[in-house]
Amino acid sequence: MAKQDHFNEKQYNHLHQMMGLTDQSLIQMNQLMSGRKESYDVNRTFNIENEINNYRNQLKAQNIVDVNNHEYTYAEGTIYIDLINECEKLGDYVVNVVEARLGIR
């Protein structure tokens, strides 16, 4: 992105929401790592991961529409989706840590 390029308000809001979901997953993981695994609700982790995946899919589809409607450039859309995808990957890593800690899978 050039110096003057920025995300639009809608993109910033979506990024904020995605990072909030990612933060929730990290909080869940940290609770497991610092507490007793017998009392941990693994379904909460899986539910957050599903929310992250669904939101990522929704944002990717909307990004194509927005770029085609010239709401922002292709380059801005690519960087935006890269950030969304990185959040989704972090959510996957959290699930891996949780599953390893609980001895599942």
Protein backbone atom coordinates (compact mmCIF):
# COMPACT_ATOMS: atom_id res chain seq x y z
CA MET A 1 0.00 0.00 0.00
CA ALA A 2 1.21 3.47 -0.77
CA LYS A 3 1.74 5.92 2.08
CA GLN A 4 -1.64 7.57 1.54
CA ASP A 5 -3.57 4.28 1.32
CA HIS A 6 -5.60 3.27 4.32
CA PHE A 7 -8.31 0.77 5.03
CA ASN A 8 -11.81 2.16 4.96
CA GLU A 9 -13.96 2.32 8.09
CA LYS A 10 -15.79 -0.91 7.22
CA GLN A 11 -12.49 -2.80 6.84
CA TYR A 12 -11.21 -1.43 10.15
CA ASN A 13 -14.42 -2.52 11.87
CA HIS A 14 -14.16 -6.02 10.38
CA LEU A 15 -10.51 -6.30 11.39
CA HIS A 16 -11.38 -5.16 14.91
CA GLN A 17 -14.13 -7.77 15.16
CA MET A 18 -11.89 -10.54 13.80
CA MET A 19 -9.10 -9.62 16.20
CA GLY A 20 -11.64 -9.64 19.03
CA LEU A 21 -12.59 -13.24 18.14
CA THR A 22 -8.92 -14.17 17.95
CA ASP A 23 -8.34 -12.57 21.34
CA GLN A 24 -11.22 -14.61 22.81
CA SER A 25 -9.60 -17.80 21.55
CA LEU A 26 -6.25 -16.82 23.10
CA ILE A 27 -7.97 -16.05 26.41
CA GLN A 28 -9.57 -19.50 26.36
CA MET A 29 -6.23 -21.14 25.62
CA ASN A 30 -4.51 -19.22 28.41
CA GLN A 31 -7.21 -20.28 30.87
CA LEU A 32 -6.58 -23.89 29.95
CA MET A 33 -2.82 -23.55 30.24
CA SER A 34 -3.02 -21.92 33.68
CA GLY A 35 -5.84 -24.00 35.14
CA ARG A 36 -7.05 -27.54 35.59
CA LYS A 37 -7.82 -29.24 32.32
CA GLU A 38 -10.62 -31.30 33.90
CA SER A 39 -12.77 -28.18 34.29
CA TYR A 40 -12.03 -26.77 30.80
CA ASP A 41 -14.90 -26.50 28.29
CA VAL A 42 -13.27 -27.44 24.98
CA ASN A 43 -16.51 -26.68 23.12
CA ARG A 44 -15.99 -22.96 23.77
CA THR A 45 -12.67 -23.13 21.89
CA PHE A 46 -14.25 -25.03 19.00
CA ASN A 47 -17.17 -22.60 18.85
CA ILE A 48 -14.86 -19.59 18.68
CA GLU A 49 -12.82 -21.29 15.96
CA ASN A 50 -15.99 -21.92 13.95
CA GLU A 51 -16.97 -18.26 14.37
CA ILE A 52 -13.52 -17.19 13.15
CA ASN A 53 -13.71 -19.51 10.12
CA ASN A 54 -17.23 -18.41 9.20
CA TYR A 55 -16.37 -14.73 9.60
CA ARG A 56 -13.23 -15.15 7.48
CA ASN A 57 -15.28 -16.81 4.72
CA GLN A 58 -17.86 -14.04 4.87
CA LEU A 59 -15.20 -11.32 4.70
CA LYS A 60 -13.39 -12.99 1.78
CA ALA A 61 -16.62 -13.12 -0.22
CA GLN A 62 -17.47 -9.51 0.67
CA ASN A 63 -13.94 -8.41 -0.24
CA ILE A 64 -14.41 -9.65 -3.81
CA VAL A 65 -17.64 -7.67 -4.11
CA ASP A 66 -16.07 -4.56 -2.57
CA VAL A 67 -13.00 -4.65 -4.85
CA ASN A 68 -15.24 -5.16 -7.89
CA ASN A 69 -17.35 -2.19 -6.75
CA HIS A 70 -14.16 -0.10 -6.44
CA GLU A 71 -14.67 0.55 -2.71
CA TYR A 72 -10.90 0.05 -2.40
CA THR A 73 -8.05 -1.16 -4.56
CA TYR A 74 -7.11 -4.75 -5.23
CA ALA A 75 -3.83 -4.19 -3.34
CA GLU A 76 -5.68 -2.85 -0.29
CA GLY A 77 -8.09 -5.79 -0.46
CA THR A 78 -5.21 -8.25 -0.64
CA ILE A 79 -3.47 -6.83 2.44
CA TYR A 80 -6.80 -6.70 4.29
CA ILE A 81 -7.56 -10.37 3.53
CA ASP A 82 -3.97 -11.35 4.43
CA LEU A 83 -4.56 -9.89 7.91
CA ILE A 84 -7.90 -11.73 8.18
CA ASN A 85 -6.22 -14.99 7.13
CA GLU A 86 -3.44 -14.54 9.70
CA CYS A 87 -6.05 -14.18 12.44
CA GLU A 88 -7.72 -17.37 11.23
CA LYS A 89 -4.38 -19.20 11.28
CA LEU A 90 -3.78 -18.06 14.84
CA GLY A 91 -7.18 -19.50 15.73
CA ASP A 92 -6.11 -22.81 14.20
CA TYR A 93 -2.91 -22.79 16.26
CA VAL A 94 -4.94 -22.18 19.42
CA VAL A 95 -7.07 -25.24 18.64
CA ASN A 96 -3.89 -27.29 18.13
CA VAL A 97 -2.52 -26.19 21.51
CA VAL A 98 -5.82 -26.92 23.26
CA GLU A 99 -6.11 -30.35 21.65
CA ALA A 100 -2.52 -31.19 22.56
CA ARG A 101 -3.00 -30.05 26.17
CA LEU A 102 -6.19 -32.09 26.51
CA GLY A 103 -4.74 -35.11 24.70
CA ILE A 104 -7.44 -35.18 22.05
CA ARG A 105 -6.97 -35.94 18.37
